[in-house]
Protein backbone atom coordinates (compact mmCIF):
# COMPACT_ATOMS: atom_id res chain seq x y z
CA MET A 1 140.75 70.93 61.36
CA THR A 2 138.44 70.85 57.96
CA GLY A 3 139.71 68.50 56.40
CA GLY A 4 142.35 69.72 53.87
CA GLN A 5 145.39 70.03 56.62
CA PRO A 6 147.63 66.83 56.30
CA ILE A 7 148.16 64.60 59.79
CA ASP A 8 151.06 63.24 60.52
CA GLY A 9 150.75 59.32 61.51
CA GLU A 10 147.39 57.74 61.41
CA LEU A 11 144.34 58.82 64.02
CA THR A 12 142.06 56.36 65.28
CA VAL A 13 137.97 57.03 65.19
CA PRO A 14 138.44 56.20 69.37
CA GLU A 15 141.62 58.89 69.31
CA ILE A 16 139.33 61.98 67.70
CA ALA A 17 136.44 60.99 69.96
CA SER A 18 138.94 61.37 72.93
CA GLN A 19 140.45 64.08 71.66
CA LEU A 20 137.09 66.24 71.26
CA LYS A 21 136.50 65.46 74.18
CA ALA A 22 139.07 66.35 75.78
CA GLU A 23 139.15 69.88 73.77
CA GLY A 24 134.80 69.99 75.58
CA VAL A 25 133.31 68.35 73.17
CA LYS A 26 129.22 67.84 75.48
CA LYS A 27 127.95 65.75 73.25
CA ILE A 28 129.51 63.08 70.80
CA VAL A 29 127.88 60.95 68.35
CA ILE A 30 129.44 58.19 65.85
CA VAL A 31 127.68 57.22 62.97
CA SER A 32 128.82 54.46 61.10
CA ASP A 33 127.77 51.82 58.36
CA ASP A 34 128.71 49.17 60.51
CA PRO A 35 128.02 50.37 63.99
CA GLU A 36 129.00 46.86 65.48
CA ALA A 37 132.59 47.56 64.43
CA ILE A 38 133.04 50.39 66.15
CA GLU A 39 131.78 49.53 69.44
CA ALA A 40 134.37 46.81 69.24
CA GLU A 41 137.23 48.33 69.04
CA GLY A 42 136.22 49.98 72.31
CA GLY A 43 138.62 52.90 73.44
CA TYR A 44 135.77 55.89 73.43
CA PRO A 45 135.27 57.89 76.20
CA SER A 46 131.83 56.73 78.40
CA ASP A 47 129.26 58.77 76.41
CA VAL A 48 129.59 58.84 73.62
CA ALA A 49 127.27 57.08 71.45
CA VAL A 50 127.11 55.06 68.34
CA TYR A 51 124.49 54.79 65.18
CA HIS A 52 123.47 52.99 62.61
CA ARG A 53 124.27 54.96 59.10
CA ASP A 54 120.16 54.70 58.45
CA GLU A 55 119.61 57.21 61.25
CA LEU A 56 121.89 60.05 60.36
CA ASP A 57 118.94 61.84 59.89
CA ALA A 58 117.58 61.61 62.97
CA VAL A 59 120.36 61.96 64.85
CA GLN A 60 121.52 65.14 62.82
CA ARG A 61 118.02 66.27 64.13
CA GLU A 62 118.85 65.52 67.54
CA LEU A 63 122.05 67.45 67.51
CA ARG A 64 119.93 70.51 65.79
CA GLU A 65 118.02 71.22 68.83
CA ILE A 66 121.99 71.21 71.11
CA LYS A 67 121.96 75.21 72.06
CA ALA A 68 125.41 77.07 71.97
CA SER A 69 126.60 79.14 74.32
CA PRO A 70 130.03 81.52 74.84
CA ARG A 71 131.49 78.72 76.90
CA THR A 72 130.05 75.90 74.91
CA PRO A 73 130.23 76.22 71.31
CA LEU A 74 128.60 73.99 68.85
CA CYS A 75 131.08 71.47 67.14
CA THR A 76 130.37 69.28 63.70
CA ASP A 77 132.47 67.32 62.85
CA LEU A 78 131.78 64.62 60.74
CA ARG A 79 133.90 61.81 59.55
CA SER A 80 133.21 58.70 56.87
CA GLY A 81 131.48 55.65 58.88
CA LYS A 82 134.64 53.27 58.35
CA ALA A 83 136.17 52.39 61.48
CA SER A 84 139.98 52.02 60.71
CA PRO A 85 141.83 54.04 59.76
CA PRO A 86 139.42 57.02 59.40
CA GLN A 87 138.74 58.41 56.27
CA ALA A 88 138.22 61.99 57.69
CA ARG A 89 136.45 64.87 56.59
CA ALA A 90 135.74 67.36 59.18
CA ILE A 91 133.50 70.73 58.27
CA SER A 92 132.91 72.96 61.40
C-alpha cells in the first residue's frame, strides 16, 4: 500500500507487523511517541523492535545498512506512532 488505498475495517499495529513478517520482511521496527503503549499492546512477532520517536534518525541509519537481494527486497513502511488505531501512511 502506498497510503492512497482505502482499507476495509481497521488494521492494528500488531496485525500490520504480523502481515509484513508473513510476507517475508526480515527486519521490522516500530517507532512511536509512546513505545510503552506499543509494547503493552502485545501480539507482535517476537523479533519486532520498538523504539521511541527520538531514536528515529539512528533507526533509519541502521535500516539503510541492510542490503537488498533478489530474494530479500527492501521494504520501507513508515506509519505514525499511534498505538491504536494506526493512522497509516506507507512509503515504498
